[in-house]
PDB file of N, CA and C in Angstrom:
ATOM      1  N   MET A   1     -41.566 -73.024  19.348  1.00  0.00           N
ATOM      2  CA  MET A   1     -40.769 -72.987  20.147  1.00  0.00           C
ATOM      3  C   MET A   1     -41.707 -72.957  21.255  1.00  0.00           C
ATOM      4  N   SER A   2     -40.868 -73.441  22.619  1.00  0.00           N
ATOM      5  CA  SER A   2     -41.448 -73.373  23.783  1.00  0.00           C
ATOM      6  C   SER A   2     -41.360 -72.059  24.600  1.00  0.00           C
ATOM      7  N   GLN A   3     -42.691 -72.278  25.480  1.00  0.00           N
ATOM      8  CA  GLN A   3     -42.803 -70.939  26.513  1.00  0.00           C
ATOM      9  C   GLN A   3     -41.251 -70.465  26.758  1.00  0.00           C
ATOM     10  N   ASP A   4     -40.502 -71.795  27.392  1.00  0.00           N
ATOM     11  CA  ASP A   4     -39.572 -71.351  28.201  1.00  0.00           C
ATOM     12  C   ASP A   4     -38.331 -70.753  27.098  1.00  0.00           C
ATOM     13  N   ASN A   5     -38.222 -71.169  25.934  1.00  0.00           N
ATOM     14  CA  ASN A   5     -37.224 -71.048  24.821  1.00  0.00           C
ATOM     15  C   ASN A   5     -37.469 -69.372  24.726  1.00  0.00           C
ATOM     16  N   MET A   6     -39.046 -68.655  24.621  1.00  0.00           N
ATOM     17  CA  MET A   6     -38.924 -67.534  24.445  1.00  0.00           C
ATOM     18  C   MET A   6     -38.812 -66.789  25.214  1.00  0.00           C
ATOM     19  N   ALA A   7     -39.070 -67.192  26.322  1.00  0.00           N
ATOM     20  CA  ALA A   7     -38.609 -66.517  28.239  1.00  0.00           C
ATOM     21  C   ALA A   7     -37.386 -65.935  27.795  1.00  0.00           C
ATOM     22  N   LEU A   8     -36.446 -67.331  27.613  1.00  0.00           N
ATOM     23  CA  LEU A   8     -34.876 -67.096  27.531  1.00  0.00           C
ATOM     24  C   LEU A   8     -34.860 -66.083  26.148  1.00  0.00           C
ATOM     25  N   LEU A   9     -35.418 -66.140  25.120  1.00  0.00           N
ATOM     26  CA  LEU A   9     -34.912 -65.187  23.887  1.00  0.00           C
ATOM     27  C   LEU A   9     -35.219 -63.346  24.266  1.00  0.00           C
ATOM     28  N   LYS A  10     -36.596 -63.549  24.762  1.00  0.00           N
ATOM     29  CA  LYS A  10     -36.785 -62.317  25.605  1.00  0.00           C
ATOM     30  C   LYS A  10     -35.699 -61.677  26.459  1.00  0.00           C
ATOM     31  N   GLN A  11     -35.121 -62.473  27.453  1.00  0.00           N
ATOM     32  CA  GLN A  11     -34.548 -62.103  28.555  1.00  0.00           C
ATOM     33  C   GLN A  11     -33.197 -61.855  27.272  1.00  0.00           C
ATOM     34  N   THR A  12     -32.967 -62.445  26.722  1.00  0.00           N
ATOM     35  CA  THR A  12     -31.018 -62.395  26.166  1.00  0.00           C
ATOM     36  C   THR A  12     -31.416 -61.071  25.685  1.00  0.00           C
ATOM     37  N   TRP A  13     -32.600 -60.713  24.690  1.00  0.00           N
ATOM     38  CA  TRP A  13     -32.705 -59.387  23.898  1.00  0.00           C
ATOM     39  C   TRP A  13     -32.833 -58.082  24.993  1.00  0.00           C
ATOM     40  N   VAL A  14     -33.133 -58.474  25.933  1.00  0.00           N
ATOM     41  CA  VAL A  14     -33.278 -57.309  26.569  1.00  0.00           C
ATOM     42  C   VAL A  14     -32.326 -56.943  27.415  1.00  0.00           C
ATOM     43  N   ILE A  15     -30.865 -58.030  27.586  1.00  0.00           N
ATOM     44  CA  ILE A  15     -29.875 -57.961  28.294  1.00  0.00           C
ATOM     45  C   ILE A  15     -29.237 -57.113  26.907  1.00  0.00           C
ATOM     46  N   LEU A  16     -28.633 -57.937  26.089  1.00  0.00           N
ATOM     47  CA  LEU A  16     -28.413 -56.950  24.433  1.00  0.00           C
ATOM     48  C   LEU A  16     -28.464 -55.767  24.095  1.00  0.00           C
ATOM     49  N   VAL A  17     -29.887 -55.106  24.388  1.00  0.00           N
ATOM     50  CA  VAL A  17     -29.988 -54.509  24.398  1.00  0.00           C
ATOM     51  C   VAL A  17     -29.655 -53.108  25.686  1.00  0.00           C
ATOM     52  N   ALA A  18     -29.883 -53.524  26.831  1.00  0.00           N
ATOM     53  CA  ALA A  18     -28.983 -52.636  27.890  1.00  0.00           C
ATOM     54  C   ALA A  18     -27.651 -52.348  27.547  1.00  0.00           C
ATOM     55  N   LEU A  19     -27.015 -53.810  27.258  1.00  0.00           N
ATOM     56  CA  LEU A  19     -25.269 -53.190  27.256  1.00  0.00           C
ATOM     57  C   LEU A  19     -25.044 -52.712  26.248  1.00  0.00           C
ATOM     58  N   SER A  20     -26.039 -52.711  24.758  1.00  0.00           N
ATOM     59  CA  SER A  20     -25.907 -51.817  23.743  1.00  0.00           C
ATOM     60  C   SER A  20     -25.762 -50.236  23.908  1.00  0.00           C
ATOM     61  N   TRP A  21     -26.834 -50.416  24.988  1.00  0.00           N
ATOM     62  CA  TRP A  21     -27.044 -48.734  25.550  1.00  0.00           C
ATOM     63  C   TRP A  21     -25.673 -47.921  26.272  1.00  0.00           C
ATOM     64  N   GLY A  22     -25.592 -49.232  27.064  1.00  0.00           N
ATOM     65  CA  GLY A  22     -24.314 -48.674  28.170  1.00  0.00           C
ATOM     66  C   GLY A  22     -23.120 -48.275  26.908  1.00  0.00           C
ATOM     67  N   SER A  23     -23.138 -49.386  26.280  1.00  0.00           N
ATOM     68  CA  SER A  23     -21.394 -49.047  25.101  1.00  0.00           C
ATOM     69  C   SER A  23     -21.855 -47.964  24.284  1.00  0.00           C
ATOM     70  N   VAL A  24     -22.744 -47.432  24.098  1.00  0.00           N
ATOM     71  CA  VAL A  24     -22.800 -45.894  23.310  1.00  0.00           C
ATOM     72  C   VAL A  24     -22.346 -45.156  24.289  1.00  0.00           C
ATOM     73  N   ALA A  25     -22.930 -44.990  25.381  1.00  0.00           N
ATOM     74  CA  ALA A  25     -22.836 -43.591  26.367  1.00  0.00           C
ATOM     75  C   ALA A  25     -21.182 -44.120  26.669  1.00  0.00           C
ATOM     76  N   ILE A  26     -20.549 -45.288  26.945  1.00  0.00           N
ATOM     77  CA  ILE A  26     -19.110 -45.425  27.428  1.00  0.00           C
ATOM     78  C   ILE A  26     -17.988 -44.823  26.365  1.00  0.00           C
ATOM     79  N   VAL A  27     -18.339 -45.191  25.257  1.00  0.00           N
ATOM     80  CA  VAL A  27     -17.274 -45.577  23.823  1.00  0.00           C
ATOM     81  C   VAL A  27     -17.858 -44.056  23.441  1.00  0.00           C
ATOM     82  N   GLY A  28     -19.054 -43.434  22.983  1.00  0.00           N
ATOM     83  CA  GLY A  28     -19.248 -42.439  22.220  1.00  0.00           C
ATOM     84  C   GLY A  28     -19.268 -41.242  23.217  1.00  0.00           C
ATOM     85  N   SER A  29     -18.230 -40.628  23.697  1.00  0.00           N
ATOM     86  CA  SER A  29     -18.275 -39.567  24.264  1.00  0.00           C
ATOM     87  C   SER A  29     -17.599 -38.575  23.938  1.00  0.00           C
ATOM     88  N   CYS A  30     -18.146 -37.261  23.025  1.00  0.00           N
ATOM     89  CA  CYS A  30     -17.602 -36.491  22.309  1.00  0.00           C
ATOM     90  C   CYS A  30     -17.470 -35.146  23.608  1.00  0.00           C
ATOM     91  N   LEU A  31     -16.260 -34.749  23.623  1.00  0.00           N
ATOM     92  CA  LEU A  31     -16.035 -33.494  24.426  1.00  0.00           C
ATOM     93  C   LEU A  31     -15.819 -32.320  23.652  1.00  0.00           C
ATOM     94  N   ARG A  32     -17.002 -31.348  24.325  1.00  0.00           N
ATOM     95  CA  ARG A  32     -17.012 -30.183  23.941  1.00  0.00           C
ATOM     96  C   ARG A  32     -15.836 -29.125  24.249  1.00  0.00           C
ATOM     97  N   PRO A  33     -15.001 -29.131  23.188  1.00  0.00           N
ATOM     98  CA  PRO A  33     -14.210 -27.523  23.574  1.00  0.00           C
ATOM     99  C   PRO A  33     -14.188 -26.865  24.235  1.00  0.00           C
ATOM    100  N   VAL A  34     -12.998 -26.438  25.242  1.00  0.00           N
ATOM    101  CA  VAL A  34     -13.720 -24.957  26.033  1.00  0.00           C
ATOM    102  C   VAL A  34     -13.436 -23.770  25.296  1.00  0.00           C
ATOM    103  N   SER A  35     -14.499 -22.400  25.549  1.00  0.00           N
ATOM    104  CA  SER A  35     -14.126 -21.754  24.701  1.00  0.00           C
ATOM    105  C   SER A  35     -13.040 -20.737  25.088  1.00  0.00           C
ATOM    106  N   PRO A  36     -11.815 -20.545  24.112  1.00  0.00           N
ATOM    107  CA  PRO A  36     -10.793 -19.560  24.847  1.00  0.00           C
ATOM    108  C   PRO A  36     -11.612 -18.176  25.778  1.00  0.00           C
ATOM    109  N   TRP A  37     -10.592 -17.598  26.133  1.00  0.00           N
ATOM    110  CA  TRP A  37     -10.728 -16.692  26.972  1.00  0.00           C
ATOM    111  C   TRP A  37     -10.353 -15.494  26.187  1.00  0.00           C
ATOM    112  N   PHE A  38     -10.985 -14.259  25.949  1.00  0.00           N
ATOM    113  CA  PHE A  38     -10.473 -13.028  25.688  1.00  0.00           C
ATOM    114  C   PHE A  38     -10.695 -11.869  26.733  1.00  0.00           C
ATOM    115  N   PRO A  39      -9.507 -10.961  26.503  1.00  0.00           N
ATOM    116  CA  PRO A  39      -9.554 -10.091  27.570  1.00  0.00           C
ATOM    117  C   PRO A  39      -9.911  -8.990  26.867  1.00  0.00           C
ATOM    118  N   ALA A  40     -11.057  -7.987  27.613  1.00  0.00           N
ATOM    119  CA  ALA A  40     -11.357  -7.144  27.195  1.00  0.00           C
ATOM    120  C   ALA A  40     -10.470  -5.485  27.252  1.00  0.00           C
ATOM    121  N   ASN A  41      -9.709  -5.668  27.885  1.00  0.00           N
ATOM    122  CA  ASN A  41      -8.655  -4.769  28.028  1.00  0.00           C
ATOM    123  C   ASN A  41      -7.970  -4.860  26.756  1.00  0.00           C
ATOM    124  N   SER A  42      -7.930  -3.745  25.872  1.00  0.00           N
ATOM    125  CA  SER A  42      -6.816  -3.139  24.466  1.00  0.00           C
ATOM    126  C   SER A  42      -5.436  -3.657  24.822  1.00  0.00           C
ATOM    127  N   ASP A  43      -4.577  -3.230  25.865  1.00  0.00           N
ATOM    128  CA  ASP A  43      -3.380  -3.482  26.415  1.00  0.00           C
ATOM    129  C   ASP A  43      -3.104  -4.787  26.276  1.00  0.00           C
ATOM    130  N   ASP A  44      -4.098  -5.678  26.727  1.00  0.00           N
ATOM    131  CA  ASP A  44      -3.778  -6.839  27.248  1.00  0.00           C
ATOM    132  C   ASP A  44      -3.841  -8.227  25.698  1.00  0.00           C
ATOM    133  N   VAL A  45      -5.076  -7.346  25.097  1.00  0.00           N
ATOM    134  CA  VAL A  45      -5.172  -7.997  23.599  1.00  0.00           C
ATOM    135  C   VAL A  45      -3.736  -7.898  22.882  1.00  0.00           C
ATOM    136  N   CYS A  46      -3.302  -6.224  22.898  1.00  0.00           N
ATOM    137  CA  CYS A  46      -2.091  -6.251  22.107  1.00  0.00           C
ATOM    138  C   CYS A  46      -0.709  -7.146  22.660  1.00  0.00           C
ATOM    139  N   ALA A  47      -0.838  -7.207  24.038  1.00  0.00           N
ATOM    140  CA  ALA A  47       0.385  -7.804  24.500  1.00  0.00           C
ATOM    141  C   ALA A  47      -0.048  -9.246  24.336  1.00  0.00           C
ATOM    142  N   TYR A  48      -1.078  -9.701  24.419  1.00  0.00           N
ATOM    143  CA  TYR A  48      -1.070 -11.404  24.351  1.00  0.00           C
ATOM    144  C   TYR A  48      -1.595 -11.656  22.781  1.00  0.00           C
ATOM    145  N   ALA A  49      -1.643 -10.845  21.824  1.00  0.00           N
ATOM    146  CA  ALA A  49      -1.526 -11.314  20.701  1.00  0.00           C
ATOM    147  C   ALA A  49      -1.767 -12.498  19.979  1.00  0.00           C
ATOM    148  N   ASP A  50      -0.628 -12.981  20.156  1.00  0.00           N
ATOM    149  CA  ASP A  50      -0.200 -14.555  19.459  1.00  0.00           C
ATOM    150  C   ASP A  50      -0.917 -15.529  20.313  1.00  0.00           C
ATOM    151  N   LEU A  51      -0.833 -15.336  21.294  1.00  0.00           N
ATOM    152  CA  LEU A  51      -1.325 -16.164  22.235  1.00  0.00           C
ATOM    153  C   LEU A  51      -2.917 -16.306  22.319  1.00  0.00           C
ATOM    154  N   LEU A  52      -3.635 -15.357  21.906  1.00  0.00           N
ATOM    155  CA  LEU A  52      -4.999 -15.272  21.853  1.00  0.00           C
ATOM    156  C   LEU A  52      -5.300 -15.599  20.134  1.00  0.00           C
ATOM    157  N   ARG A  53      -4.436 -15.687  19.434  1.00  0.00           N
ATOM    158  CA  ARG A  53      -4.678 -16.062  17.989  1.00  0.00           C
ATOM    159  C   ARG A  53      -4.452 -17.584  17.871  1.00  0.00           C
ATOM    160  N   ARG A  54      -3.312 -18.287  18.385  1.00  0.00           N
ATOM    161  CA  ARG A  54      -3.160 -19.411  18.905  1.00  0.00           C
ATOM    162  C   ARG A  54      -4.132 -19.956  19.583  1.00  0.00           C
ATOM    163  N   ASP A  55      -4.918 -19.804  20.702  1.00  0.00           N
ATOM    164  CA  ASP A  55      -6.110 -20.013  21.500  1.00  0.00           C
ATOM    165  C   ASP A  55      -7.053 -20.009  20.304  1.00  0.00           C
ATOM    166  N   ALA A  56      -7.396 -19.194  19.725  1.00  0.00           N
ATOM    167  CA  ALA A  56      -8.525 -19.444  18.675  1.00  0.00           C
ATOM    168  C   ALA A  56      -8.482 -20.147  17.610  1.00  0.00           C
ATOM    169  N   GLU A  57      -7.414 -20.143  16.850  1.00  0.00           N
ATOM    170  CA  GLU A  57      -6.933 -21.308  16.281  1.00  0.00           C
ATOM    171  C   GLU A  57      -7.391 -22.883  16.632  1.00  0.00           C
ATOM    172  N   THR A  58      -6.752 -23.473  17.828  1.00  0.00           N
ATOM    173  CA  THR A  58      -6.849 -24.206  18.575  1.00  0.00           C
ATOM    174  C   THR A  58      -8.256 -24.922  18.364  1.00  0.00           C
ATOM    175  N   TYR A  59      -9.506 -23.459  19.186  1.00  0.00           N
ATOM    176  CA  TYR A  59     -10.335 -23.968  19.554  1.00  0.00           C
ATOM    177  C   TYR A  59     -11.103 -24.237  18.060  1.00  0.00           C
ATOM    178  N   PHE A  60     -11.205 -23.550  17.116  1.00  0.00           N
ATOM    179  CA  PHE A  60     -11.872 -23.430  15.983  1.00  0.00           C
ATOM    180  C   PHE A  60     -11.391 -25.046  15.392  1.00  0.00           C
ATOM    181  N   ALA A  61     -10.368 -25.430  15.718  1.00  0.00           N
ATOM    182  CA  ALA A  61      -9.705 -26.741  15.348  1.00  0.00           C
ATOM    183  C   ALA A  61     -10.183 -27.764  15.997  1.00  0.00           C
ATOM    184  N   ASP A  62     -10.342 -27.657  17.552  1.00  0.00           N
ATOM    185  CA  ASP A  62     -11.384 -28.377  18.172  1.00  0.00           C
ATOM    186  C   ASP A  62     -12.697 -28.733  18.068  1.00  0.00           C
ATOM    187  N   VAL A  63     -13.436 -27.617  17.811  1.00  0.00           N
ATOM    188  CA  VAL A  63     -14.548 -27.398  17.626  1.00  0.00           C
ATOM    189  C   VAL A  63     -15.142 -28.287  16.236  1.00  0.00           C
ATOM    190  N   GLU A  64     -14.272 -28.419  15.416  1.00  0.00           N
ATOM    191  CA  GLU A  64     -14.714 -28.918  14.203  1.00  0.00           C
ATOM    192  C   GLU A  64     -14.224 -30.276  14.381  1.00  0.00           C
ATOM    193  N   GLN A  65     -13.393 -30.969  14.926  1.00  0.00           N
ATOM    194  CA  GLN A  65     -13.364 -32.357  15.788  1.00  0.00           C
ATOM    195  C   GLN A  65     -14.605 -32.674  16.688  1.00  0.00           C
ATOM    196  N   TYR A  66     -14.488 -31.933  17.519  1.00  0.00           N
ATOM    197  CA  TYR A  66     -16.022 -32.329  18.096  1.00  0.00           C
ATOM    198  C   TYR A  66     -17.311 -32.376  17.302  1.00  0.00           C
ATOM    199  N   PHE A  67     -17.587 -31.645  16.199  1.00  0.00           N
ATOM    200  CA  PHE A  67     -18.745 -31.505  14.713  1.00  0.00           C
ATOM    201  C   PHE A  67     -18.596 -33.165  14.437  1.00  0.00           C
ATOM    202  N   ARG A  68     -17.575 -33.610  14.123  1.00  0.00           N
ATOM    203  CA  ARG A  68     -16.900 -34.553  13.154  1.00  0.00           C
ATOM    204  C   ARG A  68     -17.613 -35.975  14.610  1.00  0.00           C
ATOM    205  N   CYS A  69     -16.952 -35.704  15.924  1.00  0.00           N
ATOM    206  CA  CYS A  69     -17.557 -36.916  16.783  1.00  0.00           C
ATOM    207  C   CYS A  69     -19.105 -37.006  16.643  1.00  0.00           C
ATOM    208  N   LEU A  70     -20.020 -35.636  17.166  1.00  0.00           N
ATOM    209  CA  LEU A  70     -21.264 -35.975  17.144  1.00  0.00           C
ATOM    210  C   LEU A  70     -21.825 -36.153  15.681  1.00  0.00           C
ATOM    211  N   ASP A  71     -21.272 -36.226  14.569  1.00  0.00           N
ATOM    212  CA  ASP A  71     -22.165 -36.507  13.458  1.00  0.00           C
ATOM    213  C   ASP A  71     -21.880 -38.014  13.391  1.00  0.00           C
ATOM    214  N   GLN A  72     -20.540 -38.162  14.028  1.00  0.00           N
ATOM    215  CA  GLN A  72     -20.235 -40.156  13.847  1.00  0.00           C
ATOM    216  C   GLN A  72     -21.034 -40.545  14.781  1.00  0.00           C
ATOM    217  N   GLN A  73     -21.539 -40.011  15.975  1.00  0.00           N
ATOM    218  CA  GLN A  73     -21.834 -40.532  17.160  1.00  0.00           C
ATOM    219  C   GLN A  73     -23.806 -41.104  17.028  1.00  0.00           C
ATOM    220  N   ARG A  74     -23.959 -39.875  15.952  1.00  0.00           N
ATOM    221  CA  ARG A  74     -25.355 -39.758  15.484  1.00  0.00           C
ATOM    222  C   ARG A  74     -25.401 -40.855  14.372  1.00  0.00           C
ATOM    223  N   ARG A  75     -24.695 -41.326  13.453  1.00  0.00           N
ATOM    224  CA  ARG A  75     -24.621 -42.052  12.164  1.00  0.00           C
ATOM    225  C   ARG A  75     -24.498 -44.014  13.264  1.00  0.00           C
ATOM    226  N   GLU A  76     -23.709 -43.526  14.256  1.00  0.00           N
ATOM    227  CA  GLU A  76     -24.277 -44.829  14.839  1.00  0.00           C
ATOM    228  C   GLU A  76     -25.097 -45.024  15.458  1.00  0.00           C
ATOM    229  N   ALA A  77     -25.772 -43.877  16.115  1.00  0.00           N
ATOM    230  CA  ALA A  77     -27.052 -44.272  17.015  1.00  0.00           C
ATOM    231  C   ALA A  77     -28.016 -44.573  15.990  1.00  0.00           C
ATOM    232  N   PHE A  78     -28.183 -44.348  14.573  1.00  0.00           N
ATOM    233  CA  PHE A  78     -29.013 -44.472  13.966  1.00  0.00           C
ATOM    234  C   PHE A  78     -29.116 -45.896  13.645  1.00  0.00           C
ATOM    235  N   GLU A  79     -27.661 -46.156  13.116  1.00  0.00           N
ATOM    236  CA  GLU A  79     -27.376 -47.766  12.625  1.00  0.00           C
ATOM    237  C   GLU A  79     -27.824 -48.933  13.842  1.00  0.00           C
ATOM    238  N   GLN A  80     -27.216 -48.214  14.910  1.00  0.00           N
ATOM    239  CA  GLN A  80     -27.895 -49.321  16.084  1.00  0.00           C
ATOM    240  C   GLN A  80     -29.253 -49.382  16.391  1.00  0.00           C
ATOM    241  N   ALA A  81     -29.945 -47.921  16.134  1.00  0.00           N
ATOM    242  CA  ALA A  81     -31.612 -48.154  16.575  1.00  0.00           C
ATOM    243  C   ALA A  81     -32.376 -48.763  14.951  1.00  0.00           C
ATOM    244  N   ARG A  82     -31.600 -48.813  14.210  1.00  0.00           N
ATOM    245  CA  ARG A  82     -32.404 -49.658  12.707  1.00  0.00           C
ATOM    246  C   ARG A  82     -32.040 -51.181  13.093  1.00  0.00           C
ATOM    247  N   GLU A  83     -30.787 -51.891  14.152  1.00  0.00           N
ATOM    248  CA  GLU A  83     -30.337 -52.905  14.250  1.00  0.00           C
ATOM    249  C   GLU A  83     -31.547 -53.511  15.357  1.00  0.00           C
ATOM    250  N   VAL A  84     -31.553 -52.627  16.067  1.00  0.00           N
ATOM    251  CA  VAL A  84     -32.326 -52.999  17.317  1.00  0.00           C
ATOM    252  C   VAL A  84     -33.837 -53.224  16.932  1.00  0.00           C
ATOM    253  N   SER A  85     -34.154 -52.418  15.784  1.00  0.00           N
ATOM    254  CA  SER A  85     -35.702 -52.608  15.727  1.00  0.00           C
ATOM    255  C   SER A  85     -35.815 -53.946  14.645  1.00  0.00           C
ATOM    256  N   GLU A  86     -34.676 -54.302  13.755  1.00  0.00           N
ATOM    257  CA  GLU A  86     -35.042 -55.540  13.267  1.00  0.00           C
ATOM    258  C   GLU A  86     -35.078 -56.505  13.904  1.00  0.00           C
ATOM    259  N   ASP A  87     -34.360 -56.480  14.858  1.00  0.00           N
ATOM    260  CA  ASP A  87     -34.080 -57.797  16.204  1.00  0.00           C
ATOM    261  C   ASP A  87     -35.300 -57.891  16.735  1.00  0.00           C
ATOM    262  N   TYR A  88     -36.184 -56.765  16.696  1.00  0.00           N
ATOM    263  CA  TYR A  88     -37.266 -56.418  17.726  1.00  0.00           C
ATOM    264  C   TYR A  88     -38.251 -57.166  16.824  1.00  0.00           C
ATOM    265  N   VAL A  89     -38.323 -56.932  15.701  1.00  0.00           N
ATOM    266  CA  VAL A  89     -39.365 -56.860  14.594  1.00  0.00           C
ATOM    267  C   VAL A  89     -39.686 -58.694  14.454  1.00  0.00           C
ATOM    268  N   ARG A  90     -38.236 -59.328  14.574  1.00  0.00           N
ATOM    269  CA  ARG A  90     -37.867 -60.832  14.585  1.00  0.00           C
ATOM    270  C   ARG A  90     -38.279 -61.196  15.863  1.00  0.00           C
ATOM    271  N   VAL A  91     -38.016 -60.710  16.810  1.00  0.00           N
ATOM    272  CA  VAL A  91     -38.686 -61.082  18.439  1.00  0.00           C
ATOM    273  C   VAL A  91     -40.056 -61.072  18.162  1.00  0.00           C
ATOM    274  N   LEU A  92     -40.957 -60.367  17.761  1.00  0.00           N
ATOM    275  CA  LEU A  92     -42.671 -60.373  18.111  1.00  0.00           C
ATOM    276  C   LEU A  92     -42.921 -61.446  16.493  1.00  0.00           C
ATOM    277  N   GLU A  93     -41.876 -61.776  15.594  1.00  0.00           N
ATOM    278  CA  GLU A  93     -42.426 -62.670  14.911  1.00  0.00           C
ATOM    279  C   GLU A  93     -42.440 -64.192  15.038  1.00  0.00           C
ATOM    280  N   LEU A  94     -41.419 -64.364  16.520  1.00  0.00           N
ATOM    281  CA  LEU A  94     -40.948 -65.420  16.828  1.00  0.00           C
ATOM    282  C   LEU A  94     -42.404 -65.593  17.734  1.00  0.00           C
ATOM    283  N   GLN A  95     -42.414 -64.410  18.412  1.00  0.00           N
ATOM    284  CA  GLN A  95     -43.531 -64.470  19.626  1.00  0.00           C
ATOM    285  C   GLN A  95     -44.874 -64.747  19.020  1.00  0.00           C
ATOM    286  N   SER A  96     -45.189 -64.161  17.967  1.00  0.00           N
ATOM    287  CA  SER A  96     -46.568 -64.092  17.127  1.00  0.00           C
ATOM    288  C   SER A  96     -46.521 -65.810  16.908  1.00  0.00           C
ATOM    289  N   ARG A  97     -45.530 -66.401  16.080  1.00  0.00           N
ATOM    290  CA  ARG A  97     -45.266 -68.517  15.814  1.00  0.00           C
ATOM    291  C   ARG A  97     -45.416 -68.621  16.879  1.00  0.00           C
ATOM    292  N   ALA A  98     -45.146 -68.594  17.973  1.00  0.00           N
ATOM    293  CA  ALA A  98     -45.386 -68.910  19.440  1.00  0.00           C
ATOM    294  C   ALA A  98     -46.642 -69.125  19.794  1.00  0.00           C
ATOM    295  N   ALA A  99     -47.419 -68.319  19.602  1.00  0.00           N
ATOM    296  CA  ALA A  99     -48.713 -68.347  20.041  1.00  0.00           C
ATOM    297  C   ALA A  99     -49.563 -68.949  19.195  1.00  0.00           C
ATOM    298  N   GLU A 100     -49.260 -69.483  18.320  1.00  0.00           N
ATOM    299  CA  GLU A 100     -50.285 -69.885  17.297  1.00  0.00           C
ATOM    300  C   GLU A 100     -50.325 -71.545  17.745  1.00  0.00           C
TER     301      GLU A 100
END
């Protein structure tokens, strides 16, 4: 493989890695749910009991979804790192062959 082809391969690899990092940041954004507000005053707790219960239940459902999202992002990041590692090994092998 010529020096020009190897340089082109390296540039292509760098661009692909940079684009893949950007796509993870854009596509994989898990939004942490906002904690519900609970009043300290017992009269307010009694007056808004149904609303407070719904807010808490909504929060717990949202936080479960958030954890699932984080788990999915983690799996995707590991898979991407594995793929990049394999690609990098191939690049190093090609570079080694070209140097011979």
